[in-house]
């Protein structure tokens, strides 16, 4: 249970950081860099989620002895 809450907080922290950076860059006229920051944040969050899904599949595989 601790891991789930920690993962949610990490994803929220990345989202807040990306949104602040996106706003700062957009208001300074750097829309291209703002888009790159958004894409980088998305990739980071997807890597976190894929790692957790991989652990879930490993757990199910061990559980059923596959």
N, C-alpha and C. Protein backbone atom coordinates (compact mmCIF):
# COMPACT_ATOMS: atom_id res chain seq x y z
N UNK A 1 0.81 -1.19 0.00
CA UNK A 1 0.00 0.00 0.00
C UNK A 1 0.86 1.26 0.00
N UNK A 2 1.97 1.22 0.70
CA UNK A 2 2.86 2.38 0.75
C UNK A 2 3.38 2.73 -0.64
N UNK A 3 3.68 1.73 -1.44
CA UNK A 3 4.22 1.96 -2.77
C UNK A 3 3.20 2.68 -3.66
N UNK A 4 1.92 2.34 -3.52
CA UNK A 4 0.89 2.96 -4.34
C UNK A 4 0.76 4.45 -4.06
N UNK A 5 0.75 4.82 -2.79
CA UNK A 5 0.62 6.22 -2.42
C UNK A 5 1.86 6.99 -2.85
N UNK A 6 3.02 6.37 -2.68
CA UNK A 6 4.27 7.01 -3.09
C UNK A 6 4.29 7.25 -4.60
N UNK A 7 3.82 6.30 -5.37
CA UNK A 7 3.76 6.45 -6.82
C UNK A 7 2.82 7.58 -7.21
N UNK A 8 1.68 7.68 -6.55
CA UNK A 8 0.72 8.74 -6.85
C UNK A 8 1.33 10.11 -6.55
N UNK A 9 2.04 10.22 -5.43
CA UNK A 9 2.67 11.49 -5.08
C UNK A 9 3.78 11.86 -6.05
N UNK A 10 4.55 10.86 -6.51
CA UNK A 10 5.60 11.15 -7.49
C UNK A 10 5.01 11.62 -8.81
N UNK A 11 3.94 10.98 -9.26
CA UNK A 11 3.29 11.38 -10.51
C UNK A 11 2.71 12.79 -10.36
N UNK A 12 2.11 13.07 -9.21
CA UNK A 12 1.55 14.40 -8.98
C UNK A 12 2.66 15.46 -8.96
N UNK A 13 3.79 15.13 -8.36
CA UNK A 13 4.91 16.08 -8.31
C UNK A 13 5.44 16.37 -9.72
N UNK A 14 5.56 15.36 -10.54
CA UNK A 14 6.00 15.56 -11.92
C UNK A 14 4.97 16.41 -12.66
N UNK A 15 3.70 16.14 -12.46
CA UNK A 15 2.66 16.92 -13.13
C UNK A 15 2.67 18.39 -12.73
N UNK A 16 2.85 18.66 -11.44
CA UNK A 16 2.90 20.04 -10.98
C UNK A 16 4.12 20.75 -11.54
N UNK A 17 5.26 20.09 -11.50
CA UNK A 17 6.50 20.68 -12.03
C UNK A 17 6.38 20.97 -13.52
N UNK A 18 5.84 20.03 -14.26
CA UNK A 18 5.69 20.21 -15.71
C UNK A 18 4.71 21.34 -16.01
N UNK A 19 3.62 21.41 -15.25
CA UNK A 19 2.64 22.47 -15.53
C UNK A 19 3.21 23.85 -15.22
N UNK A 20 3.98 23.98 -14.15
CA UNK A 20 4.59 25.27 -13.84
C UNK A 20 5.59 25.67 -14.92
N UNK A 21 6.46 24.72 -15.29
CA UNK A 21 7.43 25.02 -16.34
C UNK A 21 6.75 25.34 -17.66
N UNK A 22 5.68 24.63 -17.96
CA UNK A 22 4.94 24.88 -19.19
C UNK A 22 4.36 26.29 -19.20
N UNK A 23 3.78 26.73 -18.10
CA UNK A 23 3.22 28.07 -18.03
C UNK A 23 4.30 29.15 -18.16
N UNK A 24 5.42 28.93 -17.47
CA UNK A 24 6.50 29.92 -17.53
C UNK A 24 7.04 30.03 -18.95
N UNK A 25 7.27 28.89 -19.59
CA UNK A 25 7.81 28.92 -20.94
C UNK A 25 6.80 29.47 -21.95
N UNK A 26 5.54 29.13 -21.78
CA UNK A 26 4.52 29.64 -22.71
C UNK A 26 4.38 31.15 -22.61
N UNK A 27 4.40 31.67 -21.41
CA UNK A 27 4.24 33.11 -21.23
C UNK A 27 5.45 33.91 -21.67
N UNK A 28 6.61 33.23 -21.75
CA UNK A 28 7.81 33.93 -22.22
C UNK A 28 7.98 33.76 -23.73
N UNK A 29 7.01 33.13 -24.39
CA UNK A 29 7.05 33.02 -25.84
C UNK A 29 7.84 31.84 -26.36
N UNK A 30 8.10 30.86 -25.53
CA UNK A 30 8.86 29.68 -25.95
C UNK A 30 7.94 28.46 -25.97
N UNK A 31 7.02 28.48 -26.89
CA UNK A 31 6.04 27.40 -26.96
C UNK A 31 6.66 26.05 -27.32
N UNK A 32 7.72 26.06 -28.14
CA UNK A 32 8.36 24.81 -28.54
C UNK A 32 9.01 24.13 -27.34
N UNK A 33 9.70 24.91 -26.52
CA UNK A 33 10.32 24.33 -25.33
C UNK A 33 9.26 23.87 -24.33
N UNK A 34 8.15 24.60 -24.26
CA UNK A 34 7.06 24.19 -23.37
C UNK A 34 6.50 22.84 -23.80
N UNK A 35 6.36 22.64 -25.10
CA UNK A 35 5.87 21.36 -25.60
C UNK A 35 6.86 20.24 -25.29
N UNK A 36 8.15 20.53 -25.42
CA UNK A 36 9.17 19.51 -25.12
C UNK A 36 9.18 19.15 -23.64
N UNK A 37 8.97 20.14 -22.77
CA UNK A 37 8.90 19.86 -21.34
C UNK A 37 7.69 18.98 -21.04
N UNK A 38 6.57 19.27 -21.69
CA UNK A 38 5.37 18.47 -21.50
C UNK A 38 5.59 17.03 -21.97
N UNK A 39 6.20 16.88 -23.12
CA UNK A 39 6.48 15.52 -23.62
C UNK A 39 7.46 14.78 -22.73
N UNK A 40 8.47 15.47 -22.23
CA UNK A 40 9.43 14.83 -21.33
C UNK A 40 8.75 14.38 -20.04
N UNK A 41 7.87 15.20 -19.51
CA UNK A 41 7.12 14.82 -18.31
C UNK A 41 6.24 13.61 -18.56
N UNK A 42 5.61 13.58 -19.73
CA UNK A 42 4.77 12.43 -20.08
C UNK A 42 5.60 11.16 -20.17
N UNK A 43 6.77 11.25 -20.76
CA UNK A 43 7.64 10.07 -20.88
C UNK A 43 8.08 9.59 -19.51
N UNK A 44 8.42 10.51 -18.63
CA UNK A 44 8.85 10.12 -17.27
C UNK A 44 7.73 9.40 -16.54
N UNK A 45 6.52 9.94 -16.62
CA UNK A 45 5.38 9.30 -15.94
C UNK A 45 5.07 7.95 -16.57
N UNK A 46 5.14 7.85 -17.88
CA UNK A 46 4.88 6.57 -18.53
C UNK A 46 5.92 5.53 -18.13
N UNK A 47 7.17 5.93 -17.97
CA UNK A 47 8.20 4.98 -17.52
C UNK A 47 7.90 4.49 -16.11
N UNK A 48 7.43 5.38 -15.24
CA UNK A 48 7.06 4.96 -13.88
C UNK A 48 5.91 3.96 -13.91
N UNK A 49 4.91 4.25 -14.73
CA UNK A 49 3.73 3.38 -14.80
C UNK A 49 4.08 2.04 -15.44
N UNK A 50 4.90 2.05 -16.48
CA UNK A 50 5.29 0.80 -17.13
C UNK A 50 6.08 -0.09 -16.17
N UNK A 51 6.91 0.52 -15.35
CA UNK A 51 7.67 -0.25 -14.35
C UNK A 51 6.71 -0.94 -13.37
N UNK A 52 5.68 -0.23 -12.95
CA UNK A 52 4.71 -0.82 -12.02
C UNK A 52 3.89 -1.93 -12.70
N UNK A 53 3.54 -1.73 -13.96
CA UNK A 53 2.79 -2.75 -14.68
C UNK A 53 3.66 -4.00 -14.87
N UNK A 54 4.94 -3.79 -15.12
CA UNK A 54 5.86 -4.92 -15.25
C UNK A 54 5.93 -5.72 -13.95
N UNK A 55 5.99 -5.02 -12.83
CA UNK A 55 5.99 -5.71 -11.53
C UNK A 55 4.68 -6.46 -11.31
N UNK A 56 3.56 -5.89 -11.75
CA UNK A 56 2.27 -6.57 -11.62
C UNK A 56 2.25 -7.86 -12.43
N UNK A 57 2.73 -7.80 -13.68
CA UNK A 57 2.77 -9.00 -14.51
C UNK A 57 3.70 -10.07 -13.91
N UNK A 58 4.82 -9.63 -13.35
CA UNK A 58 5.74 -10.58 -12.72
C UNK A 58 5.08 -11.24 -11.51
N UNK A 59 4.32 -10.47 -10.73
CA UNK A 59 3.61 -11.00 -9.57
C UNK A 59 2.55 -12.02 -10.00
N UNK A 60 1.80 -11.70 -11.04
CA UNK A 60 0.77 -12.62 -11.53
C UNK A 60 1.42 -13.89 -12.08
N UNK A 61 2.54 -13.73 -12.77
CA UNK A 61 3.24 -14.90 -13.32
C UNK A 61 3.75 -15.80 -12.19
N UNK A 62 4.30 -15.22 -11.15
CA UNK A 62 4.76 -16.02 -10.01
C UNK A 62 3.61 -16.65 -9.26
N UNK A 63 2.50 -15.91 -9.19
CA UNK A 63 1.34 -16.42 -8.45
C UNK A 63 0.77 -17.67 -9.11
N UNK A 64 0.68 -17.67 -10.43
CA UNK A 64 0.11 -18.80 -11.14
C UNK A 64 1.16 -19.81 -11.60
N UNK A 65 2.42 -19.53 -11.34
CA UNK A 65 3.50 -20.47 -11.68
C UNK A 65 3.69 -20.62 -13.17
N UNK A 66 3.58 -19.53 -13.91
CA UNK A 66 3.75 -19.58 -15.37
C UNK A 66 5.18 -19.39 -15.75
